[in-house]
Amino acid sequence: MSYNENKIAVITGASNPKDIGTAICKKLATQGSNIFFTHWNSNEDWIKNFQQEIIRMGVLCEQINIDLTDASAAVTILDTVTKTLGTPSILVNNAAHSTRDGYMLLDAKTLDDHYAVNMRSTFLLCVEFARLLKGADLNSGRIINMTSGQDLGPMAEELSYAATKGAISAFTRSLAQELATLGITVNAVNPGPTDSTWMNDDIRDHLLPKFPMGRIGTPEDVARVIAFLASEEAGWITGQIIHSEGGFMRG
């Protein structure tokens, strides 16, 4: 039997073939998890084809187009997955909002836009998920959040992003203690710079020398770490921030 066979996994932010969320969906599906993913402003044909690709792996797959800045998004997502697939036991908060700012550009709207997706939607999905599992009397679950290494070094001109993603680390550690008695583990993953939708050739040329392994991280690298944390084998790991960066050198 595969690690996660017949479990239901919720993954936010699978909107593009190169997304980390897309790679996570595929990886968990190969391990037997039924998949529910969220997306926003995506190509409808690609979404339909991707959903069918997951189904061809032998699992169920449902999806929802939803704006995570909506304060009710967490409830809507979990209500929908419960009605279409059942009670989920894996939650991966992958979706993120990121724009460049810096001290000359930072304003209230920029902060609010980052807060709504990176903090509020993540935090509310975590607690709604935990309440759902408690109500269903399940004795195990996995919450995996995504960070970006804010505690390892500065992120100049990304003040809103660094602050809001950094808050996820603090939230993860505290929530992990609360949910341990329910058998729900809560961890976060920092994948380092990953060659997904935001990279271009100039960025790749700049970053490549900073990777001693000779390549930049891929969405599939991230997905493997997520899949392990979602597995039964990771049941004794909680409250941790996993830095899986391939030796990335800052500075």
C-alpha atoms as a PDB file:
ATOM      1  CA  MET A   1       0.000   0.000   0.000  1.00  0.00           C
ATOM      2  CA  SER A   2       1.252   3.505  -0.813  1.00  0.00           C
ATOM      3  CA  TYR A   3       1.907   6.063   1.929  1.00  0.00           C
ATOM      4  CA  ASN A   4      -1.293   8.036   1.401  1.00  0.00           C
ATOM      5  CA  GLU A   5      -3.575   5.589  -0.397  1.00  0.00           C
ATOM      6  CA  ASN A   6      -7.267   6.568  -0.262  1.00  0.00           C
ATOM      7  CA  LYS A   7      -6.555   9.746   1.718  1.00  0.00           C
ATOM      8  CA  ILE A   8      -7.843  13.112   0.555  1.00  0.00           C
ATOM      9  CA  ALA A   9      -5.364  15.937   0.085  1.00  0.00           C
ATOM     10  CA  VAL A  10      -6.198  19.623  -0.316  1.00  0.00           C
ATOM     11  CA  ILE A  11      -3.558  21.652  -2.161  1.00  0.00           C
ATOM     12  CA  THR A  12      -3.891  25.383  -2.761  1.00  0.00           C
ATOM     13  CA  GLY A  13      -2.287  27.213  -5.655  1.00  0.00           C
ATOM     14  CA  ALA A  14      -2.136  24.782  -8.576  1.00  0.00           C
ATOM     15  CA  SER A  15      -2.834  27.214 -11.410  1.00  0.00           C
ATOM     16  CA  ASN A  16      -0.068  26.590 -13.928  1.00  0.00           C
ATOM     17  CA  PRO A  17       1.903  23.633 -15.350  1.00  0.00           C
ATOM     18  CA  LYS A  18       5.071  24.981 -13.679  1.00  0.00           C
ATOM     19  CA  ASP A  19       3.521  25.652 -10.263  1.00  0.00           C
ATOM     20  CA  ILE A  20       4.866  23.982  -7.152  1.00  0.00           C
ATOM     21  CA  GLY A  21       1.245  23.180  -6.307  1.00  0.00           C
ATOM     22  CA  THR A  22       0.862  21.276  -9.567  1.00  0.00           C
ATOM     23  CA  ALA A  23       3.917  19.142  -8.777  1.00  0.00           C
ATOM     24  CA  ILE A  24       2.571  18.454  -5.280  1.00  0.00           C
ATOM     25  CA  CYS A  25      -0.761  17.292  -6.689  1.00  0.00           C
ATOM     26  CA  LYS A  26       0.979  14.884  -9.037  1.00  0.00           C
ATOM     27  CA  LYS A  27       3.288  13.492  -6.373  1.00  0.00           C
ATOM     28  CA  LEU A  28       0.551  12.871  -3.833  1.00  0.00           C
ATOM     29  CA  ALA A  29      -1.612  11.305  -6.539  1.00  0.00           C
ATOM     30  CA  THR A  30       1.159   8.824  -7.361  1.00  0.00           C
ATOM     31  CA  GLN A  31       1.023   7.769  -3.707  1.00  0.00           C
ATOM     32  CA  GLY A  32      -2.693   7.109  -3.886  1.00  0.00           C
ATOM     33  CA  SER A  33      -4.157  10.307  -2.435  1.00  0.00           C
ATOM     34  CA  ASN A  34      -7.354  11.685  -3.869  1.00  0.00           C
ATOM     35  CA  ILE A  35      -6.706  15.296  -4.862  1.00  0.00           C
ATOM     36  CA  PHE A  36      -8.606  18.527  -4.363  1.00  0.00           C
ATOM     37  CA  PHE A  37      -6.793  21.604  -5.652  1.00  0.00           C
ATOM     38  CA  THR A  38      -7.512  25.303  -5.807  1.00  0.00           C
ATOM     39  CA  HIS A  39      -6.590  27.712  -8.582  1.00  0.00           C
ATOM     40  CA  TRP A  40      -7.261  31.306  -9.576  1.00  0.00           C
ATOM     41  CA  ASN A  41      -7.450  33.037 -12.961  1.00  0.00           C
ATOM     42  CA  SER A  42      -6.141  29.944 -14.717  1.00  0.00           C
ATOM     43  CA  ASN A  43      -6.515  28.697 -18.268  1.00  0.00           C
ATOM     44  CA  GLU A  44      -9.736  26.681 -18.166  1.00  0.00           C
ATOM     45  CA  ASP A  45      -8.603  24.149 -20.750  1.00  0.00           C
ATOM     46  CA  TRP A  46      -5.398  23.489 -18.845  1.00  0.00           C
ATOM     47  CA  ILE A  47      -7.307  23.031 -15.573  1.00  0.00           C
ATOM     48  CA  LYS A  48      -9.634  20.484 -17.169  1.00  0.00           C
ATOM     49  CA  ASN A  49      -6.723  18.612 -18.767  1.00  0.00           C
ATOM     50  CA  PHE A  50      -4.739  18.637 -15.529  1.00  0.00           C
ATOM     51  CA  GLN A  51      -7.699  17.301 -13.571  1.00  0.00           C
ATOM     52  CA  GLN A  52      -8.042  14.467 -16.083  1.00  0.00           C
ATOM     53  CA  GLU A  53      -4.301  13.787 -15.862  1.00  0.00           C
ATOM     54  CA  ILE A  54      -4.646  13.300 -12.104  1.00  0.00           C
ATOM     55  CA  ILE A  55      -7.694  11.054 -12.537  1.00  0.00           C
ATOM     56  CA  ARG A  56      -5.773   8.879 -15.003  1.00  0.00           C
ATOM     57  CA  MET A  57      -3.348   8.165 -12.148  1.00  0.00           C
ATOM     58  CA  GLY A  58      -6.136   6.127 -10.567  1.00  0.00           C
ATOM     59  CA  VAL A  59      -7.375   8.594  -7.953  1.00  0.00           C
ATOM     60  CA  LEU A  60     -10.278  11.006  -7.633  1.00  0.00           C
ATOM     61  CA  CYS A  61      -9.730  14.682  -8.354  1.00  0.00           C
ATOM     62  CA  GLU A  62     -11.850  17.784  -7.819  1.00  0.00           C
ATOM     63  CA  GLN A  63     -10.939  21.453  -8.029  1.00  0.00           C
ATOM     64  CA  ILE A  64     -12.222  24.948  -7.378  1.00  0.00           C
ATOM     65  CA  ASN A  65     -11.518  28.336  -8.882  1.00  0.00           C
ATOM     66  CA  ILE A  66     -11.394  30.635  -5.849  1.00  0.00           C
ATOM     67  CA  ASP A  67      -9.955  33.969  -4.801  1.00  0.00           C
ATOM     68  CA  LEU A  68      -8.080  33.416  -1.549  1.00  0.00           C
ATOM     69  CA  THR A  69      -8.436  37.091  -0.647  1.00  0.00           C
ATOM     70  CA  ASP A  70     -12.084  36.309   0.114  1.00  0.00           C
ATOM     71  CA  ALA A  71     -12.406  36.039   3.909  1.00  0.00           C
ATOM     72  CA  SER A  72     -14.787  33.074   3.508  1.00  0.00           C
ATOM     73  CA  ALA A  73     -12.511  31.141   1.136  1.00  0.00           C
ATOM     74  CA  ALA A  74     -11.311  28.636   3.749  1.00  0.00           C
ATOM     75  CA  VAL A  75     -14.848  27.594   4.672  1.00  0.00           C
ATOM     76  CA  THR A  76     -15.881  27.413   1.016  1.00  0.00           C
ATOM     77  CA  ILE A  77     -12.910  25.219   0.102  1.00  0.00           C
ATOM     78  CA  LEU A  78     -13.396  22.726   2.919  1.00  0.00           C
ATOM     79  CA  ASP A  79     -17.168  22.586   2.471  1.00  0.00           C
ATOM     80  CA  THR A  80     -16.652  21.838  -1.216  1.00  0.00           C
ATOM     81  CA  VAL A  81     -14.031  19.136  -0.723  1.00  0.00           C
ATOM     82  CA  THR A  82     -16.157  17.455   1.965  1.00  0.00           C
ATOM     83  CA  LYS A  83     -19.217  17.392  -0.304  1.00  0.00           C
ATOM     84  CA  THR A  84     -17.351  16.162  -3.386  1.00  0.00           C
ATOM     85  CA  LEU A  85     -14.710  13.797  -1.988  1.00  0.00           C
ATOM     86  CA  GLY A  86     -15.121  13.430   1.771  1.00  0.00           C
ATOM     87  CA  THR A  87     -13.184  14.547   4.828  1.00  0.00           C
ATOM     88  CA  PRO A  88      -9.607  15.487   3.930  1.00  0.00           C
ATOM     89  CA  SER A  89      -6.677  14.459   6.124  1.00  0.00           C
ATOM     90  CA  ILE A  90      -3.880  16.320   4.299  1.00  0.00           C
ATOM     91  CA  LEU A  91      -3.719  20.089   3.816  1.00  0.00           C
ATOM     92  CA  VAL A  92      -0.948  21.798   1.849  1.00  0.00           C
ATOM     93  CA  ASN A  93      -1.063  25.600   1.981  1.00  0.00           C
ATOM     94  CA  ASN A  94       1.000  26.338  -1.104  1.00  0.00           C
ATOM     95  CA  ALA A  95      -0.683  29.407  -2.638  1.00  0.00           C
ATOM     96  CA  ALA A  96       1.096  32.730  -2.131  1.00  0.00           C
ATOM     97  CA  HIS A  97       0.950  36.369  -3.159  1.00  0.00           C
ATOM     98  CA  SER A  98       4.198  38.162  -3.984  1.00  0.00           C
ATOM     99  CA  THR A  99       5.057  41.568  -5.432  1.00  0.00           C
ATOM    100  CA  ARG A 100       8.187  43.667  -5.126  1.00  0.00           C
ATOM    101  CA  ASP A 101       7.999  46.616  -2.755  1.00  0.00           C
ATOM    102  CA  GLY A 102      10.852  48.010  -0.617  1.00  0.00           C
ATOM    103  CA  TYR A 103      10.610  50.927   1.754  1.00  0.00           C
ATOM    104  CA  MET A 104       9.885  53.474  -0.987  1.00  0.00           C
ATOM    105  CA  LEU A 105       6.902  51.533  -2.335  1.00  0.00           C
ATOM    106  CA  LEU A 106       5.411  49.812   0.708  1.00  0.00           C
ATOM    107  CA  ASP A 107       1.880  50.997   1.478  1.00  0.00           C
ATOM    108  CA  ALA A 108      -1.290  49.763   3.159  1.00  0.00           C
ATOM    109  CA  LYS A 109      -2.757  48.087   0.084  1.00  0.00           C
ATOM    110  CA  THR A 110       0.437  46.172  -0.599  1.00  0.00           C
ATOM    111  CA  LEU A 111       0.502  44.920   2.977  1.00  0.00           C
ATOM    112  CA  ASP A 112      -3.190  44.015   2.928  1.00  0.00           C
ATOM    113  CA  ASP A 113      -2.893  42.123  -0.366  1.00  0.00           C
ATOM    114  CA  HIS A 114      -0.049  40.001   1.021  1.00  0.00           C
ATOM    115  CA  TYR A 115      -1.743  39.502   4.373  1.00  0.00           C
ATOM    116  CA  ALA A 116      -5.003  38.283   2.844  1.00  0.00           C
ATOM    117  CA  VAL A 117      -3.410  35.387   0.944  1.00  0.00           C
ATOM    118  CA  ASN A 118      -0.189  34.558   2.762  1.00  0.00           C
ATOM    119  CA  MET A 119      -1.480  34.855   6.315  1.00  0.00           C
ATOM    120  CA  ARG A 120      -5.262  35.006   6.611  1.00  0.00           C
ATOM    121  CA  SER A 121      -6.138  32.319   4.089  1.00  0.00           C
ATOM    122  CA  THR A 122      -3.375  30.019   5.347  1.00  0.00           C
ATOM    123  CA  PHE A 123      -4.266  30.462   9.003  1.00  0.00           C
ATOM    124  CA  LEU A 124      -8.005  30.043   8.469  1.00  0.00           C
ATOM    125  CA  LEU A 125      -7.548  26.955   6.305  1.00  0.00           C
ATOM    126  CA  CYS A 126      -5.381  25.434   9.043  1.00  0.00           C
ATOM    127  CA  VAL A 127      -7.887  25.966  11.837  1.00  0.00           C
ATOM    128  CA  GLU A 128     -10.970  25.089   9.764  1.00  0.00           C
ATOM    129  CA  PHE A 129      -9.201  21.891   8.666  1.00  0.00           C
ATOM    130  CA  ALA A 130      -8.365  21.019  12.284  1.00  0.00           C
ATOM    131  CA  ARG A 131     -11.953  21.662  13.421  1.00  0.00           C
ATOM    132  CA  LEU A 132     -13.213  19.477  10.590  1.00  0.00           C
ATOM    133  CA  LEU A 133     -10.957  16.579  11.569  1.00  0.00           C
ATOM    134  CA  LYS A 134     -11.868  16.906  15.228  1.00  0.00           C
ATOM    135  CA  GLY A 135     -15.554  16.876  14.352  1.00  0.00           C
ATOM    136  CA  ALA A 136     -15.064  13.793  12.180  1.00  0.00           C
ATOM    137  CA  ASP A 137     -13.219  12.116  15.065  1.00  0.00           C
ATOM    138  CA  LEU A 138     -10.178  11.374  12.914  1.00  0.00           C
ATOM    139  CA  ASN A 139      -7.046  10.669  14.930  1.00  0.00           C
ATOM    140  CA  SER A 140      -4.444  11.819  12.424  1.00  0.00           C
ATOM    141  CA  GLY A 141      -3.891  14.561   9.911  1.00  0.00           C
ATOM    142  CA  ARG A 142      -1.165  16.515   8.171  1.00  0.00           C
ATOM    143  CA  ILE A 143      -0.871  20.270   7.722  1.00  0.00           C
ATOM    144  CA  ILE A 144       2.040  21.502   5.616  1.00  0.00           C
ATOM    145  CA  ASN A 145       2.603  25.213   5.069  1.00  0.00           C
ATOM    146  CA  MET A 146       5.082  26.907   2.761  1.00  0.00           C
ATOM    147  CA  THR A 147       7.668  29.482   3.826  1.00  0.00           C
ATOM    148  CA  SER A 148      10.594  31.055   1.980  1.00  0.00           C
ATOM    149  CA  GLY A 149      13.531  31.092   4.375  1.00  0.00           C
ATOM    150  CA  GLN A 150      12.831  34.512   5.869  1.00  0.00           C
ATOM    151  CA  ASP A 151      14.534  33.537   9.128  1.00  0.00           C
ATOM    152  CA  LEU A 152      17.736  32.568   7.291  1.00  0.00           C
ATOM    153  CA  GLY A 153      18.487  35.935   5.735  1.00  0.00           C
ATOM    154  CA  PRO A 154      17.045  39.231   4.501  1.00  0.00           C
ATOM    155  CA  MET A 155      14.823  39.620   1.453  1.00  0.00           C
ATOM    156  CA  ALA A 156      15.418  43.195   0.331  1.00  0.00           C
ATOM    157  CA  GLU A 157      12.591  44.882  -1.585  1.00  0.00           C
ATOM    158  CA  GLU A 158      10.214  42.092  -0.560  1.00  0.00           C
ATOM    159  CA  LEU A 159       9.175  43.477   2.800  1.00  0.00           C
ATOM    160  CA  SER A 160       5.502  42.517   2.645  1.00  0.00           C
ATOM    161  CA  TYR A 161       6.238  39.048   1.326  1.00  0.00           C
ATOM    162  CA  ALA A 162       9.005  38.359   3.849  1.00  0.00           C
ATOM    163  CA  ALA A 163       6.932  39.596   6.782  1.00  0.00           C
ATOM    164  CA  THR A 164       3.763  37.702   5.909  1.00  0.00           C
ATOM    165  CA  LYS A 165       5.509  34.466   4.971  1.00  0.00           C
ATOM    166  CA  GLY A 166       7.696  34.749   8.059  1.00  0.00           C
ATOM    167  CA  ALA A 167       4.543  34.864  10.176  1.00  0.00           C
ATOM    168  CA  ILE A 168       3.670  31.416   8.851  1.00  0.00           C
ATOM    169  CA  SER A 169       6.696  29.964  10.634  1.00  0.00           C
ATOM    170  CA  ALA A 170       5.577  31.362  14.003  1.00  0.00           C
ATOM    171  CA  PHE A 171       1.997  30.221  13.422  1.00  0.00           C
ATOM    172  CA  THR A 172       3.144  26.736  12.400  1.00  0.00           C
ATOM    173  CA  ARG A 173       5.180  26.189  15.557  1.00  0.00           C
ATOM    174  CA  SER A 174       2.386  27.350  17.870  1.00  0.00           C
ATOM    175  CA  LEU A 175      -0.437  25.520  16.095  1.00  0.00           C
ATOM    176  CA  ALA A 176       1.595  22.311  16.130  1.00  0.00           C
ATOM    177  CA  GLN A 177       1.482  22.222  19.923  1.00  0.00           C
ATOM    178  CA  GLU A 178      -2.264  22.805  20.013  1.00  0.00           C
ATOM    179  CA  LEU A 179      -3.050  20.076  17.481  1.00  0.00           C
ATOM    180  CA  ALA A 180      -0.618  17.410  18.700  1.00  0.00           C
ATOM    181  CA  THR A 181      -3.253  15.927  20.991  1.00  0.00           C
ATOM    182  CA  LEU A 182      -5.491  15.419  17.962  1.00  0.00           C
ATOM    183  CA  GLY A 183      -2.780  13.508  16.103  1.00  0.00           C
ATOM    184  CA  ILE A 184      -2.440  16.323  13.561  1.00  0.00           C
ATOM    185  CA  THR A 185       1.105  17.297  12.641  1.00  0.00           C
ATOM    186  CA  VAL A 186       1.852  20.842  11.504  1.00  0.00           C
ATOM    187  CA  ASN A 187       5.060  21.629   9.643  1.00  0.00           C
ATOM    188  CA  ALA A 188       6.351  24.125   7.112  1.00  0.00           C
ATOM    189  CA  VAL A 189       8.715  23.754   4.182  1.00  0.00           C
ATOM    190  CA  ASN A 190      11.150  26.323   2.818  1.00  0.00           C
ATOM    191  CA  PRO A 191      12.158  25.070  -0.643  1.00  0.00           C
ATOM    192  CA  GLY A 192      14.560  27.919  -1.381  1.00  0.00           C
ATOM    193  CA  PRO A 193      14.533  29.557  -4.810  1.00  0.00           C
ATOM    194  CA  THR A 194      12.589  27.186  -7.055  1.00  0.00           C
ATOM    195  CA  ASP A 195      12.422  27.246 -10.850  1.00  0.00           C
ATOM    196  CA  SER A 196       8.688  27.711 -11.163  1.00  0.00           C
ATOM    197  CA  THR A 197       6.525  30.442 -12.669  1.00  0.00           C
ATOM    198  CA  TRP A 198       8.485  33.451 -11.381  1.00  0.00           C
ATOM    199  CA  MET A 199      11.917  32.696 -12.836  1.00  0.00           C
ATOM    200  CA  ASN A 200      13.364  33.977 -16.099  1.00  0.00           C
ATOM    201  CA  ASP A 201      16.780  33.397 -17.653  1.00  0.00           C
ATOM    202  CA  ASP A 202      18.356  36.427 -15.957  1.00  0.00           C
ATOM    203  CA  ILE A 203      17.221  35.217 -12.532  1.00  0.00           C
ATOM    204  CA  ARG A 204      18.448  31.700 -13.277  1.00  0.00           C
ATOM    205  CA  ASP A 205      21.867  32.994 -14.345  1.00  0.00           C
ATOM    206  CA  HIS A 206      22.099  35.029 -11.139  1.00  0.00           C
ATOM    207  CA  LEU A 207      21.026  32.199  -8.824  1.00  0.00           C
ATOM    208  CA  LEU A 208      22.766  29.183 -10.340  1.00  0.00           C
ATOM    209  CA  PRO A 209      26.244  29.945  -8.861  1.00  0.00           C
ATOM    210  CA  LYS A 210      24.655  30.012  -5.415  1.00  0.00           C
ATOM    211  CA  PHE A 211      23.651  26.333  -5.662  1.00  0.00           C
ATOM    212  CA  PRO A 212      26.644  24.093  -4.871  1.00  0.00           C
ATOM    213  CA  MET A 213      24.857  21.088  -6.364  1.00  0.00           C
ATOM    214  CA  GLY A 214      25.052  22.730  -9.771  1.00  0.00           C
ATOM    215  CA  ARG A 215      21.359  23.196 -10.457  1.00  0.00           C
ATOM    216  CA  ILE A 216      18.386  25.225  -9.260  1.00  0.00           C
ATOM    217  CA  GLY A 217      15.632  23.553  -7.259  1.00  0.00           C
ATOM    218  CA  THR A 218      12.569  22.284  -9.113  1.00  0.00           C
ATOM    219  CA  PRO A 219       8.906  21.957  -8.117  1.00  0.00           C
ATOM    220  CA  GLU A 220       9.433  18.197  -8.046  1.00  0.00           C
ATOM    221  CA  ASP A 221      12.120  18.628  -5.351  1.00  0.00           C
ATOM    222  CA  VAL A 222       9.559  20.420  -3.195  1.00  0.00           C
ATOM    223  CA  ALA A 223       6.856  17.855  -3.892  1.00  0.00           C
ATOM    224  CA  ARG A 224       9.022  14.999  -2.609  1.00  0.00           C
ATOM    225  CA  VAL A 225       9.514  16.737   0.737  1.00  0.00           C
ATOM    226  CA  ILE A 226       5.798  17.491   1.005  1.00  0.00           C
ATOM    227  CA  ALA A 227       4.913  13.884   0.216  1.00  0.00           C
ATOM    228  CA  PHE A 228       7.167  12.637   3.004  1.00  0.00           C
ATOM    229  CA  LEU A 229       5.693  15.033   5.561  1.00  0.00           C
ATOM    230  CA  ALA A 230       2.226  13.912   4.483  1.00  0.00           C
ATOM    231  CA  SER A 231       3.097  10.241   5.009  1.00  0.00           C
ATOM    232  CA  GLU A 232       2.670   7.990   8.027  1.00  0.00           C
ATOM    233  CA  GLU A 233       6.460   7.809   8.314  1.00  0.00           C
ATOM    234  CA  ALA A 234       6.517  11.501   9.275  1.00  0.00           C
ATOM    235  CA  GLY A 235       4.080  11.064  12.143  1.00  0.00           C
ATOM    236  CA  TRP A 236       6.698  12.027  14.760  1.00  0.00           C
ATOM    237  CA  ILE A 237       7.657  15.291  13.044  1.00  0.00           C
ATOM    238  CA  THR A 238       5.679  18.376  14.024  1.00  0.00           C
ATOM    239  CA  GLY A 239       6.293  22.059  14.658  1.00  0.00           C
ATOM    240  CA  GLN A 240       9.286  22.068  12.317  1.00  0.00           C
ATOM    241  CA  ILE A 241      10.414  24.382   9.537  1.00  0.00           C
ATOM    242  CA  ILE A 242      12.154  22.159   6.984  1.00  0.00           C
ATOM    243  CA  HIS A 243      14.788  23.983   4.934  1.00  0.00           C
ATOM    244  CA  SER A 244      15.181  21.957   1.746  1.00  0.00           C
ATOM    245  CA  GLU A 245      17.289  24.277  -0.419  1.00  0.00           C
ATOM    246  CA  GLY A 246      19.981  22.113  -1.966  1.00  0.00           C
ATOM    247  CA  GLY A 247      22.668  23.989  -0.049  1.00  0.00           C
ATOM    248  CA  PHE A 248      21.621  27.402  -1.411  1.00  0.00           C
ATOM    249  CA  MET A 249      24.148  30.053  -0.394  1.00  0.00           C
ATOM    250  CA  ARG A 250      22.759  33.448   0.593  1.00  0.00           C
ATOM    251  CA  GLY A 251      24.589  36.729   0.198  1.00  0.00           C
END
